[in-house]
Amino acid sequence: MEQHFGKRYRLLKTEEFSSVFALRKQRSRLFLQVLQSDINPYGHARLGLVVGKKAAKRANERNYMKRVIREWFRCHKNELPPRDFVVRVKQRFDRSSFTEARRELAQLMLSQKS
């Protein structure tokens, strides 16, 4: 079982993000919003991240949030359906609230299996 987060598991191009945004299949909670595509042709889940300056002004805060989300995805990617997911951070979370953010991420991502 692979546990790395290589390029094949990432959304890299603008067109890939745009296709997920166009479908508008989304769910959200306090900290996070998750958008998903229909089944992709790659046979595995892929992740794209959007952490804007409205969520956190400082780059180190945005990088921390991206690291937390990528780590969760890396550990759970085999449980996810073969779809493209875009996770957008709506509200800043830090070390004191990251467990709640991870719980939200698990609810949003794993409940979208259907």
PDB file of N, CA and C in Angstrom:
ATOM      1  N   MET A   1       0.838  -1.174   0.000  1.00  0.00           N
ATOM      2  CA  MET A   1       0.000   0.000   0.000  1.00  0.00           C
ATOM      3  C   MET A   1       0.890   1.246   0.000  1.00  0.00           C
ATOM      4  N   GLU A   2       0.700   2.091  -0.995  1.00  0.00           N
ATOM      5  CA  GLU A   2       1.503   3.299  -1.126  1.00  0.00           C
ATOM      6  C   GLU A   2       1.085   4.328  -0.082  1.00  0.00           C
ATOM      7  N   GLN A   3       2.053   4.987   0.533  1.00  0.00           N
ATOM      8  CA  GLN A   3       1.744   6.013   1.516  1.00  0.00           C
ATOM      9  C   GLN A   3       2.342   7.369   1.147  1.00  0.00           C
ATOM     10  N   HIS A   4       2.810   7.517  -0.087  1.00  0.00           N
ATOM     11  CA  HIS A   4       3.369   8.811  -0.468  1.00  0.00           C
ATOM     12  C   HIS A   4       2.301   9.673  -1.139  1.00  0.00           C
ATOM     13  N   PHE A   5       2.619  10.926  -1.357  1.00  0.00           N
ATOM     14  CA  PHE A   5       1.702  11.877  -1.979  1.00  0.00           C
ATOM     15  C   PHE A   5       2.387  12.447  -3.208  1.00  0.00           C
ATOM     16  N   GLY A   6       2.551  11.596  -4.209  1.00  0.00           N
ATOM     17  CA  GLY A   6       3.235  11.985  -5.432  1.00  0.00           C
ATOM     18  C   GLY A   6       2.364  12.831  -6.344  1.00  0.00           C
ATOM     19  N   LYS A   7       2.938  13.233  -7.475  1.00  0.00           N
ATOM     20  CA  LYS A   7       2.218  14.092  -8.421  1.00  0.00           C
ATOM     21  C   LYS A   7       0.958  13.449  -8.974  1.00  0.00           C
ATOM     22  N   ARG A   8       0.937  12.132  -9.037  1.00  0.00           N
ATOM     23  CA  ARG A   8      -0.253  11.476  -9.605  1.00  0.00           C
ATOM     24  C   ARG A   8      -1.479  11.631  -8.713  1.00  0.00           C
ATOM     25  N   TYR A   9      -1.286  12.033  -7.461  1.00  0.00           N
ATOM     26  CA  TYR A   9      -2.396  12.229  -6.529  1.00  0.00           C
ATOM     27  C   TYR A   9      -2.786  13.693  -6.367  1.00  0.00           C
ATOM     28  N   ARG A  10      -2.226  14.579  -7.181  1.00  0.00           N
ATOM     29  CA  ARG A  10      -2.466  16.007  -7.045  1.00  0.00           C
ATOM     30  C   ARG A  10      -3.193  16.566  -8.257  1.00  0.00           C
ATOM     31  N   LEU A  11      -4.002  17.562  -8.023  1.00  0.00           N
ATOM     32  CA  LEU A  11      -4.538  18.373  -9.109  1.00  0.00           C
ATOM     33  C   LEU A  11      -3.533  19.492  -9.324  1.00  0.00           C
ATOM     34  N   LEU A  12      -2.992  19.589 -10.524  1.00  0.00           N
ATOM     35  CA  LEU A  12      -1.913  20.540 -10.778  1.00  0.00           C
ATOM     36  C   LEU A  12      -2.299  21.656 -11.741  1.00  0.00           C
ATOM     37  N   LYS A  13      -3.141  21.359 -12.706  1.00  0.00           N
ATOM     38  CA  LYS A  13      -3.435  22.316 -13.768  1.00  0.00           C
ATOM     39  C   LYS A  13      -4.734  23.067 -13.496  1.00  0.00           C
ATOM     40  N   THR A  14      -4.824  24.240 -14.044  1.00  0.00           N
ATOM     41  CA  THR A  14      -6.010  25.078 -13.896  1.00  0.00           C
ATOM     42  C   THR A  14      -7.250  24.369 -14.421  1.00  0.00           C
ATOM     43  N   GLU A  15      -7.112  23.649 -15.541  1.00  0.00           N
ATOM     44  CA  GLU A  15      -8.262  22.945 -16.121  1.00  0.00           C
ATOM     45  C   GLU A  15      -8.788  21.878 -15.175  1.00  0.00           C
ATOM     46  N   GLU A  16      -7.895  21.208 -14.451  1.00  0.00           N
ATOM     47  CA  GLU A  16      -8.313  20.171 -13.510  1.00  0.00           C
ATOM     48  C   GLU A  16      -9.119  20.772 -12.360  1.00  0.00           C
ATOM     49  N   PHE A  17      -8.667  21.909 -11.837  1.00  0.00           N
ATOM     50  CA  PHE A  17      -9.422  22.596 -10.796  1.00  0.00           C
ATOM     51  C   PHE A  17     -10.753  23.098 -11.347  1.00  0.00           C
ATOM     52  N   SER A  18     -10.733  23.671 -12.543  1.00  0.00           N
ATOM     53  CA  SER A  18     -11.939  24.244 -13.141  1.00  0.00           C
ATOM     54  C   SER A  18     -13.016  23.192 -13.357  1.00  0.00           C
ATOM     55  N   SER A  19     -12.630  21.990 -13.756  1.00  0.00           N
ATOM     56  CA  SER A  19     -13.626  20.948 -13.991  1.00  0.00           C
ATOM     57  C   SER A  19     -14.313  20.545 -12.688  1.00  0.00           C
ATOM     58  N   VAL A  20     -13.598  20.562 -11.585  1.00  0.00           N
ATOM     59  CA  VAL A  20     -14.210  20.241 -10.290  1.00  0.00           C
ATOM     60  C   VAL A  20     -15.118  21.380  -9.849  1.00  0.00           C
ATOM     61  N   PHE A  21     -14.669  22.626 -10.004  1.00  0.00           N
ATOM     62  CA  PHE A  21     -15.491  23.773  -9.622  1.00  0.00           C
ATOM     63  C   PHE A  21     -16.764  23.852 -10.469  1.00  0.00           C
ATOM     64  N   ALA A  22     -16.686  23.447 -11.732  1.00  0.00           N
ATOM     65  CA  ALA A  22     -17.839  23.540 -12.630  1.00  0.00           C
ATOM     66  C   ALA A  22     -18.972  22.605 -12.221  1.00  0.00           C
ATOM     67  N   LEU A  23     -18.650  21.460 -11.630  1.00  0.00           N
ATOM     68  CA  LEU A  23     -19.692  20.493 -11.271  1.00  0.00           C
ATOM     69  C   LEU A  23     -20.516  20.927 -10.073  1.00  0.00           C
ATOM     70  N   ARG A  24     -19.939  21.699  -9.182  1.00  0.00           N
ATOM     71  CA  ARG A  24     -20.637  22.252  -8.029  1.00  0.00           C
ATOM     72  C   ARG A  24     -21.160  21.210  -7.043  1.00  0.00           C
ATOM     73  N   LYS A  25     -20.552  20.044  -6.999  1.00  0.00           N
ATOM     74  CA  LYS A  25     -20.879  19.070  -5.963  1.00  0.00           C
ATOM     75  C   LYS A  25     -20.035  19.435  -4.754  1.00  0.00           C
ATOM     76  N   GLN A  26     -20.662  20.040  -3.755  1.00  0.00           N
ATOM     77  CA  GLN A  26     -19.877  20.543  -2.641  1.00  0.00           C
ATOM     78  C   GLN A  26     -20.590  20.337  -1.318  1.00  0.00           C
ATOM     79  N   ARG A  27     -19.785  20.247  -0.283  1.00  0.00           N
ATOM     80  CA  ARG A  27     -20.272  20.186   1.091  1.00  0.00           C
ATOM     81  C   ARG A  27     -19.323  21.034   1.918  1.00  0.00           C
ATOM     82  N   SER A  28     -19.846  21.626   2.984  1.00  0.00           N
ATOM     83  CA  SER A  28     -18.965  22.462   3.796  1.00  0.00           C
ATOM     84  C   SER A  28     -19.341  22.394   5.267  1.00  0.00           C
ATOM     85  N   ARG A  29     -18.387  22.767   6.074  1.00  0.00           N
ATOM     86  CA  ARG A  29     -18.522  22.866   7.514  1.00  0.00           C
ATOM     87  C   ARG A  29     -17.894  24.200   7.932  1.00  0.00           C
ATOM     88  N   LEU A  30     -17.568  24.330   9.196  1.00  0.00           N
ATOM     89  CA  LEU A  30     -17.037  25.589   9.712  1.00  0.00           C
ATOM     90  C   LEU A  30     -15.693  25.956   9.090  1.00  0.00           C
ATOM     91  N   PHE A  31     -14.746  25.026   9.076  1.00  0.00           N
ATOM     92  CA  PHE A  31     -13.393  25.325   8.608  1.00  0.00           C
ATOM     93  C   PHE A  31     -13.186  25.049   7.123  1.00  0.00           C
ATOM     94  N   LEU A  32     -13.855  24.023   6.586  1.00  0.00           N
ATOM     95  CA  LEU A  32     -13.513  23.520   5.255  1.00  0.00           C
ATOM     96  C   LEU A  32     -14.717  23.389   4.339  1.00  0.00           C
ATOM     97  N   GLN A  33     -14.438  23.463   3.046  1.00  0.00           N
ATOM     98  CA  GLN A  33     -15.408  23.169   1.998  1.00  0.00           C
ATOM     99  C   GLN A  33     -14.752  22.155   1.068  1.00  0.00           C
ATOM    100  N   VAL A  34     -15.486  21.102   0.703  1.00  0.00           N
ATOM    101  CA  VAL A  34     -14.950  20.075  -0.189  1.00  0.00           C
ATOM    102  C   VAL A  34     -15.817  20.017  -1.437  1.00  0.00           C
ATOM    103  N   LEU A  35     -15.176  20.147  -2.585  1.00  0.00           N
ATOM    104  CA  LEU A  35     -15.841  20.006  -3.874  1.00  0.00           C
ATOM    105  C   LEU A  35     -15.317  18.722  -4.507  1.00  0.00           C
ATOM    106  N   GLN A  36     -16.166  18.030  -5.253  1.00  0.00           N
ATOM    107  CA  GLN A  36     -15.729  16.779  -5.867  1.00  0.00           C
ATOM    108  C   GLN A  36     -16.213  16.666  -7.300  1.00  0.00           C
ATOM    109  N   SER A  37     -15.475  15.902  -8.072  1.00  0.00           N
ATOM    110  CA  SER A  37     -15.848  15.645  -9.462  1.00  0.00           C
ATOM    111  C   SER A  37     -16.601  14.316  -9.534  1.00  0.00           C
ATOM    112  N   ASP A  38     -17.023  13.985 -10.729  1.00  0.00           N
ATOM    113  CA  ASP A  38     -17.493  12.628 -10.964  1.00  0.00           C
ATOM    114  C   ASP A  38     -16.273  11.727 -11.005  1.00  0.00           C
ATOM    115  N   ILE A  39     -16.470  10.459 -11.198  1.00  0.00           N
ATOM    116  CA  ILE A  39     -15.356   9.509 -11.212  1.00  0.00           C
ATOM    117  C   ILE A  39     -14.334   9.918 -12.271  1.00  0.00           C
ATOM    118  N   ASN A  40     -13.068   9.955 -11.874  1.00  0.00           N
ATOM    119  CA  ASN A  40     -12.013  10.342 -12.814  1.00  0.00           C
ATOM    120  C   ASN A  40     -11.442   9.103 -13.509  1.00  0.00           C
ATOM    121  N   PRO A  41     -10.775   9.274 -14.637  1.00  0.00           N
ATOM    122  CA  PRO A  41     -10.258   8.122 -15.389  1.00  0.00           C
ATOM    123  C   PRO A  41      -8.963   7.526 -14.833  1.00  0.00           C
ATOM    124  N   TYR A  42      -8.439   8.081 -13.745  1.00  0.00           N
ATOM    125  CA  TYR A  42      -7.139   7.642 -13.236  1.00  0.00           C
ATOM    126  C   TYR A  42      -7.231   6.448 -12.292  1.00  0.00           C
ATOM    127  N   GLY A  43      -8.414   6.165 -11.755  1.00  0.00           N
ATOM    128  CA  GLY A  43      -8.582   5.013 -10.886  1.00  0.00           C
ATOM    129  C   GLY A  43      -8.177   5.241  -9.442  1.00  0.00           C
ATOM    130  N   HIS A  44      -7.882   6.485  -9.070  1.00  0.00           N
ATOM    131  CA  HIS A  44      -7.543   6.808  -7.683  1.00  0.00           C
ATOM    132  C   HIS A  44      -7.942   8.250  -7.398  1.00  0.00           C
ATOM    133  N   ALA A  45      -8.084   8.568  -6.134  1.00  0.00           N
ATOM    134  CA  ALA A  45      -8.459   9.918  -5.723  1.00  0.00           C
ATOM    135  C   ALA A  45      -7.297  10.884  -5.949  1.00  0.00           C
ATOM    136  N   ARG A  46      -7.646  12.131  -6.289  1.00  0.00           N
ATOM    137  CA  ARG A  46      -6.650  13.194  -6.430  1.00  0.00           C
ATOM    138  C   ARG A  46      -7.120  14.399  -5.627  1.00  0.00           C
ATOM    139  N   LEU A  47      -6.157  15.189  -5.146  1.00  0.00           N
ATOM    140  CA  LEU A  47      -6.456  16.296  -4.244  1.00  0.00           C
ATOM    141  C   LEU A  47      -5.925  17.608  -4.782  1.00  0.00           C
ATOM    142  N   GLY A  48      -6.749  18.639  -4.649  1.00  0.00           N
ATOM    143  CA  GLY A  48      -6.339  20.004  -4.919  1.00  0.00           C
ATOM    144  C   GLY A  48      -6.657  20.846  -3.696  1.00  0.00           C
ATOM    145  N   LEU A  49      -5.822  21.815  -3.404  1.00  0.00           N
ATOM    146  CA  LEU A  49      -5.990  22.656  -2.214  1.00  0.00           C
ATOM    147  C   LEU A  49      -6.134  24.124  -2.595  1.00  0.00           C
ATOM    148  N   VAL A  50      -7.041  24.803  -1.891  1.00  0.00           N
ATOM    149  CA  VAL A  50      -7.201  26.240  -2.056  1.00  0.00           C
ATOM    150  C   VAL A  50      -7.210  26.850  -0.660  1.00  0.00           C
ATOM    151  N   VAL A  51      -6.164  27.611  -0.362  1.00  0.00           N
ATOM    152  CA  VAL A  51      -6.068  28.307   0.926  1.00  0.00           C
ATOM    153  C   VAL A  51      -5.744  29.755   0.608  1.00  0.00           C
ATOM    154  N   GLY A  52      -6.763  30.579   0.666  1.00  0.00           N
ATOM    155  CA  GLY A  52      -6.586  31.976   0.281  1.00  0.00           C
ATOM    156  C   GLY A  52      -6.100  32.854   1.419  1.00  0.00           C
ATOM    157  N   LYS A  53      -5.737  34.067   1.055  1.00  0.00           N
ATOM    158  CA  LYS A  53      -5.264  35.021   2.052  1.00  0.00           C
ATOM    159  C   LYS A  53      -6.388  35.502   2.954  1.00  0.00           C
ATOM    160  N   LYS A  54      -7.637  35.345   2.533  1.00  0.00           N
ATOM    161  CA  LYS A  54      -8.750  35.693   3.415  1.00  0.00           C
ATOM    162  C   LYS A  54      -8.809  34.749   4.609  1.00  0.00           C
ATOM    163  N   ALA A  55      -8.431  33.499   4.394  1.00  0.00           N
ATOM    164  CA  ALA A  55      -8.444  32.511   5.475  1.00  0.00           C
ATOM    165  C   ALA A  55      -7.293  32.760   6.441  1.00  0.00           C
ATOM    166  N   ALA A  56      -6.133  33.086   5.926  1.00  0.00           N
ATOM    167  CA  ALA A  56      -4.956  33.339   6.770  1.00  0.00           C
ATOM    168  C   ALA A  56      -4.017  34.280   6.027  1.00  0.00           C
ATOM    169  N   LYS A  57      -3.668  35.358   6.657  1.00  0.00           N
ATOM    170  CA  LYS A  57      -2.817  36.361   6.012  1.00  0.00           C
ATOM    171  C   LYS A  57      -1.382  35.894   5.814  1.00  0.00           C
ATOM    172  N   ARG A  58      -0.852  35.174   6.789  1.00  0.00           N
ATOM    173  CA  ARG A  58       0.561  34.807   6.756  1.00  0.00           C
ATOM    174  C   ARG A  58       0.774  33.480   6.033  1.00  0.00           C
ATOM    175  N   ALA A  59       1.837  33.431   5.238  1.00  0.00           N
ATOM    176  CA  ALA A  59       2.129  32.236   4.439  1.00  0.00           C
ATOM    177  C   ALA A  59       2.392  31.017   5.315  1.00  0.00           C
ATOM    178  N   ASN A  60       3.045  31.191   6.442  1.00  0.00           N
ATOM    179  CA  ASN A  60       3.324  30.030   7.286  1.00  0.00           C
ATOM    180  C   ASN A  60       2.036  29.421   7.842  1.00  0.00           C
ATOM    181  N   GLU A  61       1.007  30.230   8.083  1.00  0.00           N
ATOM    182  CA  GLU A  61      -0.289  29.713   8.529  1.00  0.00           C
ATOM    183  C   GLU A  61      -0.976  28.942   7.403  1.00  0.00           C
ATOM    184  N   ARG A  62      -0.925  29.500   6.186  1.00  0.00           N
ATOM    185  CA  ARG A  62      -1.531  28.806   5.041  1.00  0.00           C
ATOM    186  C   ARG A  62      -0.802  27.500   4.765  1.00  0.00           C
ATOM    187  N   ASN A  63       0.514  27.502   4.847  1.00  0.00           N
ATOM    188  CA  ASN A  63       1.293  26.283   4.618  1.00  0.00           C
ATOM    189  C   ASN A  63       0.991  25.221   5.664  1.00  0.00           C
ATOM    190  N   TYR A  64       0.808  25.619   6.921  1.00  0.00           N
ATOM    191  CA  TYR A  64       0.464  24.667   7.981  1.00  0.00           C
ATOM    192  C   TYR A  64      -0.867  23.978   7.667  1.00  0.00           C
ATOM    193  N   MET A  65      -1.868  24.761   7.257  1.00  0.00           N
ATOM    194  CA  MET A  65      -3.179  24.191   6.955  1.00  0.00           C
ATOM    195  C   MET A  65      -3.094  23.224   5.770  1.00  0.00           C
ATOM    196  N   LYS A  66      -2.325  23.587   4.757  1.00  0.00           N
ATOM    197  CA  LYS A  66      -2.147  22.690   3.611  1.00  0.00           C
ATOM    198  C   LYS A  66      -1.448  21.405   4.027  1.00  0.00           C
ATOM    199  N   ARG A  67      -0.462  21.506   4.901  1.00  0.00           N
ATOM    200  CA  ARG A  67       0.263  20.323   5.376  1.00  0.00           C
ATOM    201  C   ARG A  67      -0.664  19.364   6.124  1.00  0.00           C
ATOM    202  N   VAL A  68      -1.532  19.900   6.973  1.00  0.00           N
ATOM    203  CA  VAL A  68      -2.476  19.078   7.728  1.00  0.00           C
ATOM    204  C   VAL A  68      -3.419  18.344   6.777  1.00  0.00           C
ATOM    205  N   ILE A  69      -3.939  19.049   5.791  1.00  0.00           N
ATOM    206  CA  ILE A  69      -4.888  18.442   4.846  1.00  0.00           C
ATOM    207  C   ILE A  69      -4.189  17.401   3.976  1.00  0.00           C
ATOM    208  N   ARG A  70      -2.994  17.710   3.477  1.00  0.00           N
ATOM    209  CA  ARG A  70      -2.250  16.740   2.656  1.00  0.00           C
ATOM    210  C   ARG A  70      -1.920  15.475   3.441  1.00  0.00           C
ATOM    211  N   GLU A  71      -1.552  15.632   4.697  1.00  0.00           N
ATOM    212  CA  GLU A  71      -1.216  14.474   5.527  1.00  0.00           C
ATOM    213  C   GLU A  71      -2.438  13.586   5.738  1.00  0.00           C
ATOM    214  N   TRP A  72      -3.594  14.192   5.992  1.00  0.00           N
ATOM    215  CA  TRP A  72      -4.811  13.397   6.146  1.00  0.00           C
ATOM    216  C   TRP A  72      -5.105  12.638   4.850  1.00  0.00           C
ATOM    217  N   PHE A  73      -5.006  13.331   3.723  1.00  0.00           N
ATOM    218  CA  PHE A  73      -5.272  12.699   2.431  1.00  0.00           C
ATOM    219  C   PHE A  73      -4.293  11.559   2.168  1.00  0.00           C
ATOM    220  N   ARG A  74      -3.031  11.778   2.449  1.00  0.00           N
ATOM    221  CA  ARG A  74      -2.011  10.750   2.225  1.00  0.00           C
ATOM    222  C   ARG A  74      -2.333   9.473   3.003  1.00  0.00           C
ATOM    223  N   CYS A  75      -2.813   9.618   4.216  1.00  0.00           N
ATOM    224  CA  CYS A  75      -3.119   8.453   5.056  1.00  0.00           C
ATOM    225  C   CYS A  75      -4.434   7.773   4.688  1.00  0.00           C
ATOM    226  N   HIS A  76      -5.354   8.490   4.040  1.00  0.00           N
ATOM    227  CA  HIS A  76      -6.691   7.951   3.766  1.00  0.00           C
ATOM    228  C   HIS A  76      -7.029   7.827   2.283  1.00  0.00           C
ATOM    229  N   LYS A  77      -6.073   8.063   1.404  1.00  0.00           N
ATOM    230  CA  LYS A  77      -6.399   8.097  -0.028  1.00  0.00           C
ATOM    231  C   LYS A  77      -6.918   6.770  -0.567  1.00  0.00           C
ATOM    232  N   ASN A  78      -6.538   5.663   0.045  1.00  0.00           N
ATOM    233  CA  ASN A  78      -7.012   4.364  -0.432  1.00  0.00           C
ATOM    234  C   ASN A  78      -8.455   4.079  -0.041  1.00  0.00           C
ATOM    235  N   GLU A  79      -9.003   4.826   0.903  1.00  0.00           N
ATOM    236  CA  GLU A  79     -10.393   4.673   1.320  1.00  0.00           C
ATOM    237  C   GLU A  79     -11.344   5.525   0.484  1.00  0.00           C
ATOM    238  N   LEU A  80     -10.794   6.445  -0.295  1.00  0.00           N
ATOM    239  CA  LEU A  80     -11.609   7.381  -1.065  1.00  0.00           C
ATOM    240  C   LEU A  80     -11.949   6.825  -2.440  1.00  0.00           C
ATOM    241  N   PRO A  81     -13.097   7.241  -2.999  1.00  0.00           N
ATOM    242  CA  PRO A  81     -13.447   6.817  -4.357  1.00  0.00           C
ATOM    243  C   PRO A  81     -12.551   7.499  -5.376  1.00  0.00           C
ATOM    244  N   PRO A  82     -12.467   6.966  -6.582  1.00  0.00           N
ATOM    245  CA  PRO A  82     -11.599   7.565  -7.616  1.00  0.00           C
ATOM    246  C   PRO A  82     -12.194   8.843  -8.195  1.00  0.00           C
ATOM    247  N   ARG A  83     -12.103   9.902  -7.435  1.00  0.00           N
ATOM    248  CA  ARG A  83     -12.625  11.204  -7.841  1.00  0.00           C
ATOM    249  C   ARG A  83     -11.583  12.273  -7.579  1.00  0.00           C
ATOM    250  N   ASP A  84     -11.807  13.430  -8.180  1.00  0.00           N
ATOM    251  CA  ASP A  84     -10.970  14.586  -7.913  1.00  0.00           C
ATOM    252  C   ASP A  84     -11.639  15.409  -6.816  1.00  0.00           C
ATOM    253  N   PHE A  85     -10.882  15.767  -5.797  1.00  0.00           N
ATOM    254  CA  PHE A  85     -11.384  16.549  -4.678  1.00  0.00           C
ATOM    255  C   PHE A  85     -10.620  17.860  -4.596  1.00  0.00           C
ATOM    256  N   VAL A  86     -11.344  18.941  -4.350  1.00  0.00           N
ATOM    257  CA  VAL A  86     -10.723  20.229  -4.061  1.00  0.00           C
ATOM    258  C   VAL A  86     -11.172  20.618  -2.665  1.00  0.00           C
ATOM    259  N   VAL A  87     -10.208  20.851  -1.788  1.00  0.00           N
ATOM    260  CA  VAL A  87     -10.503  21.276  -0.423  1.00  0.00           C
ATOM    261  C   VAL A  87     -10.169  22.753  -0.316  1.00  0.00           C
ATOM    262  N   ARG A  88     -11.153  23.526   0.069  1.00  0.00           N
ATOM    263  CA  ARG A  88     -10.985  24.970   0.240  1.00  0.00           C
ATOM    264  C   ARG A  88     -11.098  25.288   1.728  1.00  0.00           C
ATOM    265  N   VAL A  89     -10.127  26.005   2.249  1.00  0.00           N
ATOM    266  CA  VAL A  89     -10.165  26.425   3.649  1.00  0.00           C
ATOM    267  C   VAL A  89     -11.015  27.687   3.742  1.00  0.00           C
ATOM    268  N   LYS A  90     -12.069  27.614   4.549  1.00  0.00           N
ATOM    269  CA  LYS A  90     -12.957  28.759   4.727  1.00  0.00           C
ATOM    270  C   LYS A  90     -12.532  29.636   5.889  1.00  0.00           C
ATOM    271  N   GLN A  91     -12.034  28.999   6.932  1.00  0.00           N
ATOM    272  CA  GLN A  91     -11.654  29.724   8.144  1.00  0.00           C
ATOM    273  C   GLN A  91     -10.341  29.158   8.672  1.00  0.00           C
ATOM    274  N   ARG A  92      -9.494  30.019   9.156  1.00  0.00           N
ATOM    275  CA  ARG A  92      -8.177  29.634   9.661  1.00  0.00           C
ATOM    276  C   ARG A  92      -8.295  28.657  10.837  1.00  0.00           C
ATOM    277  N   PHE A  93      -7.444  27.630  10.812  1.00  0.00           N
ATOM    278  CA  PHE A  93      -7.295  26.760  11.972  1.00  0.00           C
ATOM    279  C   PHE A  93      -5.810  26.628  12.272  1.00  0.00           C
ATOM    280  N   ASP A  94      -5.495  26.381  13.537  1.00  0.00           N
ATOM    281  CA  ASP A  94      -4.101  26.269  13.951  1.00  0.00           C
ATOM    282  C   ASP A  94      -3.924  25.025  14.805  1.00  0.00           C
ATOM    283  N   ARG A  95      -2.837  24.950  15.521  1.00  0.00           N
ATOM    284  CA  ARG A  95      -2.542  23.746  16.303  1.00  0.00           C
ATOM    285  C   ARG A  95      -3.569  23.480  17.395  1.00  0.00           C
ATOM    286  N   SER A  96      -4.228  24.508  17.876  1.00  0.00           N
ATOM    287  CA  SER A  96      -5.229  24.308  18.921  1.00  0.00           C
ATOM    288  C   SER A  96      -6.557  23.789  18.369  1.00  0.00           C
ATOM    289  N   SER A  97      -6.831  24.001  17.086  1.00  0.00           N
ATOM    290  CA  SER A  97      -8.108  23.576  16.512  1.00  0.00           C
ATOM    291  C   SER A  97      -7.947  22.624  15.325  1.00  0.00           C
ATOM    292  N   PHE A  98      -6.739  22.104  15.108  1.00  0.00           N
ATOM    293  CA  PHE A  98      -6.546  21.256  13.928  1.00  0.00           C
ATOM    294  C   PHE A  98      -7.259  19.909  14.055  1.00  0.00           C
ATOM    295  N   THR A  99      -7.473  19.413  15.277  1.00  0.00           N
ATOM    296  CA  THR A  99      -8.192  18.140  15.410  1.00  0.00           C
ATOM    297  C   THR A  99      -9.634  18.279  14.941  1.00  0.00           C
ATOM    298  N   GLU A 100     -10.256  19.415  15.226  1.00  0.00           N
ATOM    299  CA  GLU A 100     -11.616  19.656  14.742  1.00  0.00           C
ATOM    300  C   GLU A 100     -11.621  19.770  13.210  1.00  0.00           C
ATOM    301  N   ALA A 101     -10.626  20.432  12.655  1.00  0.00           N
ATOM    302  CA  ALA A 101     -10.538  20.567  11.199  1.00  0.00           C
ATOM    303  C   ALA A 101     -10.334  19.196  10.543  1.00  0.00           C
ATOM    304  N   ARG A 102      -9.501  18.349  11.137  1.00  0.00           N
ATOM    305  CA  ARG A 102      -9.299  16.999  10.591  1.00  0.00           C
ATOM    306  C   ARG A 102     -10.585  16.182  10.683  1.00  0.00           C
ATOM    307  N   ARG A 103     -11.325  16.343  11.760  1.00  0.00           N
ATOM    308  CA  ARG A 103     -12.612  15.638  11.914  1.00  0.00           C
ATOM    309  C   ARG A 103     -13.588  16.082  10.833  1.00  0.00           C
ATOM    310  N   GLU A 104     -13.640  17.390  10.580  1.00  0.00           N
ATOM    311  CA  GLU A 104     -14.492  17.913   9.508  1.00  0.00           C
ATOM    312  C   GLU A 104     -14.080  17.346   8.161  1.00  0.00           C
ATOM    313  N   LEU A 105     -12.782  17.312   7.914  1.00  0.00           N
ATOM    314  CA  LEU A 105     -12.281  16.789   6.642  1.00  0.00           C
ATOM    315  C   LEU A 105     -12.690  15.334   6.462  1.00  0.00           C
ATOM    316  N   ALA A 106     -12.568  14.540   7.497  1.00  0.00           N
ATOM    317  CA  ALA A 106     -12.960  13.130   7.414  1.00  0.00           C
ATOM    318  C   ALA A 106     -14.453  12.997   7.136  1.00  0.00           C
ATOM    319  N   GLN A 107     -15.277  13.807   7.792  1.00  0.00           N
ATOM    320  CA  GLN A 107     -16.723  13.755   7.558  1.00  0.00           C
ATOM    321  C   GLN A 107     -17.058  14.144   6.121  1.00  0.00           C
ATOM    322  N   LEU A 108     -16.415  15.193   5.635  1.00  0.00           N
ATOM    323  CA  LEU A 108     -16.727  15.690   4.294  1.00  0.00           C
ATOM    324  C   LEU A 108     -16.225  14.764   3.191  1.00  0.00           C
ATOM    325  N   MET A 109     -15.048  14.222   3.355  1.00  0.00           N
ATOM    326  CA  MET A 109     -14.450  13.388   2.309  1.00  0.00           C
ATOM    327  C   MET A 109     -15.016  11.968   2.307  1.00  0.00           C
ATOM    328  N   LEU A 110     -15.113  11.353   3.470  1.00  0.00           N
ATOM    329  CA  LEU A 110     -15.532   9.955   3.530  1.00  0.00           C
ATOM    330  C   LEU A 110     -17.034   9.800   3.356  1.00  0.00           C
ATOM    331  N   SER A 111     -17.799  10.835   3.636  1.00  0.00           N
ATOM    332  CA  SER A 111     -19.250  10.739   3.444  1.00  0.00           C
ATOM    333  C   SER A 111     -19.637  10.909   1.985  1.00  0.00           C
ATOM    334  N   GLN A 112     -18.684  11.267   1.128  1.00  0.00           N
ATOM    335  CA  GLN A 112     -18.978  11.484  -0.293  1.00  0.00           C
ATOM    336  C   GLN A 112     -18.658  10.260  -1.139  1.00  0.00           C
ATOM    337  N   LYS A 113     -18.619   9.105  -0.533  1.00  0.00           N
ATOM    338  CA  LYS A 113     -18.283   7.886  -1.284  1.00  0.00           C
ATOM    339  C   LYS A 113     -19.322   7.533  -2.327  1.00  0.00           C
ATOM    340  N   SER A 114     -20.553   7.873  -2.090  1.00  0.00           N
ATOM    341  CA  SER A 114     -21.624   7.473  -3.010  1.00  0.00           C
ATOM    342  C   SER A 114     -21.537   8.152  -4.347  1.00  0.00           C
TER     343      SER A 114
END
